[in-house]
Amino acid sequence: MKKLVLPSLVILFLLISSSQTYEEQSLNATLQTLLPNKPFEDLLSSFSIWYFGTVISVEERGYYLFIEFIIRKGAHFFLFGLLALGFYLVLSFTKYRFIIALLLTVAFASFDEYHQFLTGGRTPSYKDVLLDSMGACVFLSFVHLKNKYRRGTSRQ
């Protein structure tokens, strides 16, 4: 039963989050309050992020929207990685848990984007599903390699 805590909490958080409009979730005002002097603006201005055919930069978006983009997309990657990890832990009874956890996470990411479609003021995007899937793959790969390494060193 304890194994269900992580995926349940992540799903709950994601459902609440995707029920909110962009305006309700916007970090722009908060970032302006917390970072009035725009720390590291010169450094960040030298970076551009290619995001599925779009260049995201301080020059293109402005300082605060660039920071918000990094936070939002980082949250996608991290939260869906955690969700995949939660599914992986729940599925400890099967040797196919890597692929099943990945498929469940991709399915939930797709549902989450559909849920955003139903929410006013949100734009669902297959790009976010791909980003979520990448987070899941990275987290699952780390745990899989860690387990493989642990099994390999325990045989010696």
N, C-alpha and C. Protein backbone atom coordinates (compact mmCIF):
# COMPACT_ATOMS: atom_id res chain seq x y z
N MET A 1 0.82 -1.20 0.00
CA MET A 1 0.00 0.00 0.00
C MET A 1 0.86 1.27 0.00
N LYS A 2 2.01 1.22 0.69
CA LYS A 2 2.91 2.37 0.73
C LYS A 2 3.41 2.74 -0.65
N LYS A 3 3.53 1.74 -1.52
CA LYS A 3 4.05 1.97 -2.86
C LYS A 3 3.12 2.87 -3.68
N LEU A 4 1.85 2.93 -3.31
CA LEU A 4 0.89 3.74 -4.06
C LEU A 4 0.95 5.23 -3.72
N VAL A 5 1.65 5.57 -2.64
CA VAL A 5 1.69 6.96 -2.18
C VAL A 5 2.31 7.88 -3.23
N LEU A 6 3.49 7.54 -3.73
CA LEU A 6 4.18 8.43 -4.69
C LEU A 6 3.36 8.66 -5.95
N PRO A 7 2.94 7.60 -6.67
CA PRO A 7 2.17 7.90 -7.88
C PRO A 7 0.84 8.59 -7.60
N SER A 8 0.21 8.28 -6.49
CA SER A 8 -1.06 8.93 -6.14
C SER A 8 -0.89 10.42 -5.89
N LEU A 9 0.15 10.78 -5.15
CA LEU A 9 0.40 12.20 -4.87
C LEU A 9 0.76 12.97 -6.14
N VAL A 10 1.57 12.36 -6.99
CA VAL A 10 1.95 13.04 -8.24
C VAL A 10 0.72 13.21 -9.12
N ILE A 11 -0.10 12.18 -9.25
CA ILE A 11 -1.32 12.28 -10.06
C ILE A 11 -2.24 13.35 -9.50
N LEU A 12 -2.43 13.38 -8.20
CA LEU A 12 -3.28 14.39 -7.58
C LEU A 12 -2.76 15.80 -7.89
N PHE A 13 -1.47 16.00 -7.70
CA PHE A 13 -0.86 17.30 -7.99
C PHE A 13 -1.05 17.69 -9.46
N LEU A 14 -0.82 16.75 -10.37
CA LEU A 14 -0.95 17.03 -11.79
C LEU A 14 -2.39 17.34 -12.18
N LEU A 15 -3.34 16.62 -11.60
CA LEU A 15 -4.75 16.88 -11.91
C LEU A 15 -5.18 18.26 -11.42
N ILE A 16 -4.75 18.61 -10.24
CA ILE A 16 -5.06 19.96 -9.71
C ILE A 16 -4.41 21.02 -10.60
N SER A 17 -3.16 20.79 -10.94
CA SER A 17 -2.42 21.75 -11.75
C SER A 17 -3.06 21.93 -13.13
N SER A 18 -3.42 20.84 -13.78
CA SER A 18 -3.98 20.96 -15.13
C SER A 18 -5.43 21.44 -15.11
N SER A 19 -6.02 21.57 -13.93
CA SER A 19 -7.37 22.12 -13.81
C SER A 19 -7.35 23.65 -13.73
N GLN A 20 -6.18 24.20 -13.55
CA GLN A 20 -6.04 25.65 -13.41
C GLN A 20 -5.75 26.30 -14.76
N THR A 21 -6.23 27.51 -14.93
CA THR A 21 -5.92 28.25 -16.15
C THR A 21 -4.46 28.71 -16.10
N TYR A 22 -3.97 29.14 -17.24
CA TYR A 22 -2.60 29.65 -17.29
C TYR A 22 -2.43 30.83 -16.33
N GLU A 23 -3.42 31.69 -16.30
CA GLU A 23 -3.35 32.88 -15.44
C GLU A 23 -3.26 32.49 -13.97
N GLU A 24 -3.98 31.44 -13.58
CA GLU A 24 -3.94 30.98 -12.18
C GLU A 24 -2.58 30.38 -11.84
N GLN A 25 -1.91 29.85 -12.83
CA GLN A 25 -0.62 29.20 -12.61
C GLN A 25 0.57 30.10 -12.90
N SER A 26 0.34 31.22 -13.50
CA SER A 26 1.44 32.07 -13.94
C SER A 26 2.37 32.43 -12.79
N LEU A 27 3.65 32.32 -13.07
CA LEU A 27 4.68 32.65 -12.09
C LEU A 27 5.27 34.03 -12.33
N ASN A 28 4.80 34.68 -13.37
CA ASN A 28 5.39 35.94 -13.80
C ASN A 28 5.43 36.99 -12.68
N ALA A 29 4.31 37.25 -12.04
CA ALA A 29 4.26 38.27 -10.97
C ALA A 29 5.13 37.85 -9.79
N THR A 30 5.09 36.58 -9.45
CA THR A 30 5.90 36.06 -8.34
C THR A 30 7.38 36.22 -8.65
N LEU A 31 7.77 35.89 -9.87
CA LEU A 31 9.17 36.02 -10.26
C LEU A 31 9.61 37.48 -10.23
N GLN A 32 8.74 38.38 -10.65
CA GLN A 32 9.08 39.81 -10.62
C GLN A 32 9.28 40.30 -9.19
N THR A 33 8.49 39.74 -8.26
CA THR A 33 8.63 40.11 -6.85
C THR A 33 9.90 39.50 -6.25
N LEU A 34 10.14 38.23 -6.55
CA LEU A 34 11.30 37.53 -5.97
C LEU A 34 12.63 37.91 -6.61
N LEU A 35 12.59 38.28 -7.88
CA LEU A 35 13.82 38.56 -8.62
C LEU A 35 13.78 39.96 -9.26
N PRO A 36 13.59 41.00 -8.46
CA PRO A 36 13.42 42.35 -9.04
C PRO A 36 14.66 42.84 -9.79
N ASN A 37 15.82 42.38 -9.40
CA ASN A 37 17.07 42.84 -10.03
C ASN A 37 17.51 41.94 -11.19
N LYS A 38 16.69 40.98 -11.53
CA LYS A 38 16.96 40.06 -12.64
C LYS A 38 18.36 39.44 -12.55
N PRO A 39 18.59 38.69 -11.47
CA PRO A 39 19.92 38.08 -11.31
C PRO A 39 20.26 37.14 -12.48
N PHE A 40 21.51 37.17 -12.85
CA PHE A 40 22.05 36.32 -13.93
C PHE A 40 21.45 36.61 -15.30
N GLU A 41 20.84 37.79 -15.46
CA GLU A 41 20.21 38.10 -16.74
C GLU A 41 21.23 38.05 -17.88
N ASP A 42 22.43 38.60 -17.66
CA ASP A 42 23.44 38.58 -18.72
C ASP A 42 23.81 37.15 -19.09
N LEU A 43 24.00 36.31 -18.10
CA LEU A 43 24.35 34.91 -18.34
C LEU A 43 23.20 34.21 -19.07
N LEU A 44 21.97 34.36 -18.57
CA LEU A 44 20.82 33.70 -19.18
C LEU A 44 20.56 34.21 -20.59
N SER A 45 20.91 35.46 -20.85
CA SER A 45 20.71 36.03 -22.18
C SER A 45 21.58 35.36 -23.23
N SER A 46 22.62 34.69 -22.79
CA SER A 46 23.51 34.01 -23.74
C SER A 46 23.00 32.61 -24.11
N PHE A 47 21.91 32.17 -23.47
CA PHE A 47 21.36 30.84 -23.73
C PHE A 47 20.10 30.92 -24.59
N SER A 48 19.97 29.94 -25.45
CA SER A 48 18.75 29.74 -26.21
C SER A 48 18.37 28.28 -26.06
N ILE A 49 17.10 28.02 -25.93
CA ILE A 49 16.61 26.65 -25.81
C ILE A 49 15.78 26.34 -27.04
N TRP A 50 16.13 25.29 -27.74
CA TRP A 50 15.33 24.85 -28.86
C TRP A 50 14.26 23.94 -28.31
N TYR A 51 13.02 24.31 -28.50
CA TYR A 51 11.91 23.51 -28.00
C TYR A 51 10.97 23.18 -29.15
N PHE A 52 11.22 22.04 -29.78
CA PHE A 52 10.39 21.55 -30.87
C PHE A 52 10.17 22.60 -31.96
N GLY A 53 11.27 23.12 -32.47
CA GLY A 53 11.19 24.06 -33.59
C GLY A 53 11.05 25.51 -33.20
N THR A 54 10.96 25.81 -31.92
CA THR A 54 10.84 27.18 -31.45
C THR A 54 12.06 27.50 -30.59
N VAL A 55 12.63 28.66 -30.80
CA VAL A 55 13.76 29.09 -29.97
C VAL A 55 13.20 29.89 -28.80
N ILE A 56 13.54 29.45 -27.61
CA ILE A 56 13.11 30.12 -26.39
C ILE A 56 14.35 30.79 -25.81
N SER A 57 14.25 32.11 -25.59
CA SER A 57 15.40 32.84 -25.05
C SER A 57 14.89 34.07 -24.29
N VAL A 58 15.81 34.69 -23.57
CA VAL A 58 15.49 35.95 -22.89
C VAL A 58 15.14 37.00 -23.93
N GLU A 59 15.87 37.00 -25.02
CA GLU A 59 15.61 37.97 -26.08
C GLU A 59 14.22 37.80 -26.68
N GLU A 60 13.81 36.56 -26.88
CA GLU A 60 12.51 36.28 -27.50
C GLU A 60 11.34 36.50 -26.53
N ARG A 61 11.51 36.08 -25.28
CA ARG A 61 10.40 36.07 -24.33
C ARG A 61 10.49 37.12 -23.25
N GLY A 62 11.67 37.58 -22.98
CA GLY A 62 11.90 38.44 -21.82
C GLY A 62 12.39 37.59 -20.66
N TYR A 63 13.02 38.23 -19.72
CA TYR A 63 13.67 37.55 -18.60
C TYR A 63 12.70 36.67 -17.81
N TYR A 64 11.59 37.24 -17.35
CA TYR A 64 10.69 36.51 -16.45
C TYR A 64 9.96 35.37 -17.15
N LEU A 65 9.56 35.57 -18.38
CA LEU A 65 8.88 34.49 -19.11
C LEU A 65 9.86 33.37 -19.48
N PHE A 66 11.13 33.73 -19.69
CA PHE A 66 12.15 32.71 -19.94
C PHE A 66 12.35 31.85 -18.69
N ILE A 67 12.47 32.49 -17.54
CA ILE A 67 12.61 31.75 -16.27
C ILE A 67 11.38 30.88 -16.04
N GLU A 68 10.20 31.44 -16.28
CA GLU A 68 8.96 30.67 -16.09
C GLU A 68 8.94 29.46 -17.02
N PHE A 69 9.37 29.64 -18.25
CA PHE A 69 9.42 28.52 -19.20
C PHE A 69 10.31 27.40 -18.66
N ILE A 70 11.48 27.75 -18.17
CA ILE A 70 12.41 26.75 -17.63
C ILE A 70 11.77 26.03 -16.44
N ILE A 71 11.14 26.77 -15.55
CA ILE A 71 10.50 26.16 -14.38
C ILE A 71 9.36 25.24 -14.81
N ARG A 72 8.51 25.71 -15.70
CA ARG A 72 7.35 24.91 -16.14
C ARG A 72 7.79 23.62 -16.83
N LYS A 73 8.71 23.74 -17.76
CA LYS A 73 9.14 22.55 -18.51
C LYS A 73 9.97 21.63 -17.62
N GLY A 74 10.74 22.21 -16.72
CA GLY A 74 11.47 21.38 -15.75
C GLY A 74 10.51 20.61 -14.86
N ALA A 75 9.41 21.25 -14.48
CA ALA A 75 8.39 20.58 -13.66
C ALA A 75 7.76 19.43 -14.43
N HIS A 76 7.47 19.63 -15.72
CA HIS A 76 6.94 18.54 -16.54
C HIS A 76 7.89 17.35 -16.51
N PHE A 77 9.14 17.62 -16.82
CA PHE A 77 10.16 16.55 -16.89
C PHE A 77 10.27 15.84 -15.54
N PHE A 78 10.39 16.59 -14.47
CA PHE A 78 10.60 16.03 -13.13
C PHE A 78 9.37 15.29 -12.62
N LEU A 79 8.19 15.89 -12.73
CA LEU A 79 6.98 15.27 -12.18
C LEU A 79 6.60 13.99 -12.91
N PHE A 80 6.73 13.98 -14.22
CA PHE A 80 6.41 12.75 -14.95
C PHE A 80 7.50 11.71 -14.78
N GLY A 81 8.73 12.15 -14.52
CA GLY A 81 9.78 11.20 -14.13
C GLY A 81 9.45 10.55 -12.79
N LEU A 82 8.99 11.36 -11.84
CA LEU A 82 8.57 10.82 -10.54
C LEU A 82 7.38 9.88 -10.68
N LEU A 83 6.44 10.25 -11.54
CA LEU A 83 5.28 9.39 -11.75
C LEU A 83 5.72 8.04 -12.31
N ALA A 84 6.60 8.06 -13.28
CA ALA A 84 7.11 6.81 -13.86
C ALA A 84 7.82 5.98 -12.79
N LEU A 85 8.60 6.64 -11.96
CA LEU A 85 9.29 5.95 -10.87
C LEU A 85 8.27 5.33 -9.91
N GLY A 86 7.22 6.07 -9.59
CA GLY A 86 6.16 5.55 -8.72
C GLY A 86 5.51 4.31 -9.32
N PHE A 87 5.19 4.38 -10.61
CA PHE A 87 4.60 3.21 -11.28
C PHE A 87 5.58 2.04 -11.25
N TYR A 88 6.85 2.31 -11.49
CA TYR A 88 7.88 1.29 -11.50
C TYR A 88 7.94 0.57 -10.14
N LEU A 89 7.87 1.34 -9.06
CA LEU A 89 7.91 0.75 -7.73
C LEU A 89 6.66 -0.09 -7.45
N VAL A 90 5.51 0.38 -7.89
CA VAL A 90 4.26 -0.36 -7.69
C VAL A 90 4.30 -1.67 -8.45
N LEU A 91 4.94 -1.69 -9.60
CA LEU A 91 4.95 -2.86 -10.48
C LEU A 91 6.10 -3.82 -10.18
N SER A 92 6.55 -3.86 -8.96
CA SER A 92 7.71 -4.70 -8.61
C SER A 92 7.46 -6.19 -8.82
N PHE A 93 6.22 -6.58 -8.99
CA PHE A 93 5.87 -8.00 -9.14
C PHE A 93 6.10 -8.52 -10.57
N THR A 94 6.41 -7.64 -11.52
CA THR A 94 6.57 -8.09 -12.91
C THR A 94 7.92 -7.69 -13.48
N LYS A 95 8.46 -8.54 -14.32
CA LYS A 95 9.73 -8.22 -14.96
C LYS A 95 9.57 -7.20 -16.08
N TYR A 96 8.34 -6.89 -16.46
CA TYR A 96 8.07 -5.92 -17.51
C TYR A 96 7.75 -4.53 -16.94
N ARG A 97 8.13 -4.31 -15.71
CA ARG A 97 7.72 -3.07 -15.06
C ARG A 97 8.30 -1.81 -15.71
N PHE A 98 9.48 -1.88 -16.31
CA PHE A 98 10.04 -0.71 -16.99
C PHE A 98 9.10 -0.25 -18.10
N ILE A 99 8.76 -1.17 -19.00
CA ILE A 99 7.94 -0.80 -20.14
C ILE A 99 6.50 -0.46 -19.72
N ILE A 100 5.96 -1.19 -18.75
CA ILE A 100 4.60 -0.91 -18.29
C ILE A 100 4.55 0.46 -17.61
N ALA A 101 5.54 0.75 -16.78
CA ALA A 101 5.60 2.06 -16.11
C ALA A 101 5.71 3.18 -17.14
N LEU A 102 6.52 2.97 -18.16
CA LEU A 102 6.67 3.97 -19.22
C LEU A 102 5.34 4.17 -19.96
N LEU A 103 4.70 3.08 -20.33
CA LEU A 103 3.42 3.18 -21.06
C LEU A 103 2.34 3.85 -20.21
N LEU A 104 2.27 3.51 -18.93
CA LEU A 104 1.29 4.14 -18.04
C LEU A 104 1.55 5.65 -17.93
N THR A 105 2.81 6.01 -17.85
CA THR A 105 3.17 7.43 -17.72
C THR A 105 2.82 8.19 -19.00
N VAL A 106 3.12 7.60 -20.15
CA VAL A 106 2.79 8.26 -21.42
C VAL A 106 1.26 8.38 -21.55
N ALA A 107 0.55 7.34 -21.14
CA ALA A 107 -0.92 7.39 -21.19
C ALA A 107 -1.45 8.50 -20.29
N PHE A 108 -0.89 8.61 -19.08
CA PHE A 108 -1.35 9.66 -18.19
C PHE A 108 -0.96 11.04 -18.71
N ALA A 109 0.22 11.17 -19.30
CA ALA A 109 0.63 12.45 -19.88
C ALA A 109 -0.34 12.87 -20.99
N SER A 110 -0.76 11.91 -21.80
CA SER A 110 -1.73 12.18 -22.86
C SER A 110 -3.07 12.60 -22.26
N PHE A 111 -3.51 11.88 -21.23
CA PHE A 111 -4.75 12.24 -20.55
C PHE A 111 -4.65 13.63 -19.94
N ASP A 112 -3.52 13.94 -19.34
CA ASP A 112 -3.31 15.24 -18.72
C ASP A 112 -3.43 16.37 -19.74
N GLU A 113 -2.88 16.18 -20.92
CA GLU A 113 -3.01 17.19 -21.97
C GLU A 113 -4.46 17.31 -22.44
N TYR A 114 -5.16 16.18 -22.52
CA TYR A 114 -6.58 16.23 -22.87
C TYR A 114 -7.36 16.98 -21.79
N HIS A 115 -7.01 16.72 -20.54
CA HIS A 115 -7.65 17.41 -19.42
C HIS A 115 -7.42 18.92 -19.54
N GLN A 116 -6.25 19.32 -19.95
CA GLN A 116 -5.97 20.74 -20.17
C GLN A 116 -6.83 21.30 -21.30
N PHE A 117 -7.08 20.48 -22.31
CA PHE A 117 -7.95 20.89 -23.42
C PHE A 117 -9.34 21.26 -22.90
N LEU A 118 -9.81 20.52 -21.90
CA LEU A 118 -11.13 20.75 -21.32
C LEU A 118 -11.15 21.96 -20.37
N THR A 119 -9.96 22.38 -19.96
CA THR A 119 -9.85 23.52 -19.05
C THR A 119 -9.71 24.80 -19.87
N GLY A 120 -10.49 25.79 -19.54
CA GLY A 120 -10.39 27.07 -20.25
C GLY A 120 -9.03 27.73 -20.03
N GLY A 121 -8.57 28.42 -21.03
CA GLY A 121 -7.33 29.17 -20.88
C GLY A 121 -6.08 28.31 -20.88
N ARG A 122 -6.17 27.09 -21.36
CA ARG A 122 -5.00 26.19 -21.43
C ARG A 122 -4.85 25.70 -22.86
N THR A 123 -3.64 25.45 -23.25
CA THR A 123 -3.36 24.93 -24.58
C THR A 123 -2.68 23.58 -24.46
N PRO A 124 -3.38 22.51 -24.79
CA PRO A 124 -2.74 21.19 -24.74
C PRO A 124 -1.69 21.08 -25.85
N SER A 125 -0.68 20.27 -25.61
CA SER A 125 0.39 20.16 -26.59
C SER A 125 1.02 18.76 -26.57
N TYR A 126 1.14 18.19 -27.75
CA TYR A 126 1.83 16.91 -27.86
C TYR A 126 3.30 17.07 -27.46
N LYS A 127 3.83 18.29 -27.57
CA LYS A 127 5.21 18.55 -27.19
C LYS A 127 5.42 18.28 -25.70
N ASP A 128 4.43 18.65 -24.91
CA ASP A 128 4.53 18.37 -23.47
C ASP A 128 4.46 16.88 -23.19
N VAL A 129 3.66 16.15 -23.96
CA VAL A 129 3.61 14.69 -23.80
C VAL A 129 4.98 14.10 -24.11
N LEU A 130 5.63 14.60 -25.14
CA LEU A 130 6.98 14.12 -25.47
C LEU A 130 7.98 14.47 -24.37
N LEU A 131 7.89 15.68 -23.84
CA LEU A 131 8.77 16.09 -22.75
C LEU A 131 8.51 15.22 -21.50
N ASP A 132 7.25 14.99 -21.19
CA ASP A 132 6.88 14.13 -20.06
C ASP A 132 7.45 12.73 -20.26
N SER A 133 7.35 12.24 -21.48
CA SER A 133 7.86 10.90 -21.79
C SER A 133 9.37 10.83 -21.65
N MET A 134 10.05 11.91 -22.03
CA MET A 134 11.51 11.96 -21.85
C MET A 134 11.88 11.92 -20.38
N GLY A 135 11.13 12.66 -19.56
CA GLY A 135 11.37 12.62 -18.12
C GLY A 135 11.19 11.21 -17.58
N ALA A 136 10.13 10.55 -18.03
CA ALA A 136 9.87 9.18 -17.60
C ALA A 136 11.01 8.26 -18.02
N CYS A 137 11.46 8.39 -19.26
CA CYS A 137 12.56 7.54 -19.75
C CYS A 137 13.84 7.74 -18.95
N VAL A 138 14.17 8.99 -18.67
CA VAL A 138 15.40 9.28 -17.92
C VAL A 138 15.32 8.69 -16.51
N PHE A 139 14.23 8.96 -15.81
CA PHE A 139 14.09 8.44 -14.44
C PHE A 139 14.10 6.92 -14.43
N LEU A 140 13.35 6.31 -15.34
CA LEU A 140 13.30 4.84 -15.39
C LEU A 140 14.65 4.25 -15.77
N SER A 141 15.35 4.90 -16.67
CA SER A 141 16.68 4.40 -17.06
C SER A 141 17.65 4.44 -15.89
N PHE A 142 17.61 5.53 -15.12
CA PHE A 142 18.49 5.62 -13.95
C PHE A 142 18.20 4.51 -12.94
N VAL A 143 16.94 4.31 -12.62
CA VAL A 143 16.60 3.28 -11.64
C VAL A 143 16.89 1.89 -12.18
N HIS A 144 16.65 1.69 -13.46
CA HIS A 144 16.93 0.39 -14.07
C HIS A 144 18.44 0.09 -14.05
N LEU A 145 19.23 1.08 -14.44
CA LEU A 145 20.68 0.90 -14.43
C LEU A 145 21.21 0.72 -13.01
N LYS A 146 20.64 1.44 -12.07
CA LYS A 146 21.05 1.29 -10.67
C LYS A 146 20.76 -0.13 -10.20
N ASN A 147 19.58 -0.64 -10.50
CA ASN A 147 19.23 -2.01 -10.10
C ASN A 147 20.10 -3.03 -10.80
N LYS A 148 20.39 -2.81 -12.06
CA LYS A 148 21.25 -3.73 -12.82
C LYS A 148 22.66 -3.73 -12.23
N TYR A 149 23.17 -2.54 -11.91
CA TYR A 149 24.50 -2.43 -11.31
C TYR A 149 24.52 -3.12 -9.94
N ARG A 150 23.48 -2.91 -9.16
CA ARG A 150 23.41 -3.52 -7.82
C ARG A 150 23.39 -5.05 -7.92
N ARG A 151 22.62 -5.58 -8.89
CA ARG A 151 22.59 -7.04 -9.08
C ARG A 151 23.94 -7.55 -9.52
N GLY A 152 24.63 -6.78 -10.40
CA GLY A 152 25.93 -7.19 -10.91
C GLY A 152 27.01 -7.20 -9.84
N THR A 153 26.98 -6.20 -8.94
CA THR A 153 28.01 -6.15 -7.90
C THR A 153 27.72 -7.13 -6.77
N SER A 154 26.46 -7.54 -6.61
CA SER A 154 26.17 -8.49 -5.53
C SER A 154 26.56 -9.92 -5.91
N ARG A 155 26.82 -10.17 -7.19
CA ARG A 155 27.22 -11.51 -7.64
C ARG A 155 28.71 -11.74 -7.46
N GLN A 156 29.45 -10.68 -7.27
CA GLN A 156 30.92 -10.80 -7.20
C GLN A 156 31.40 -11.27 -5.86
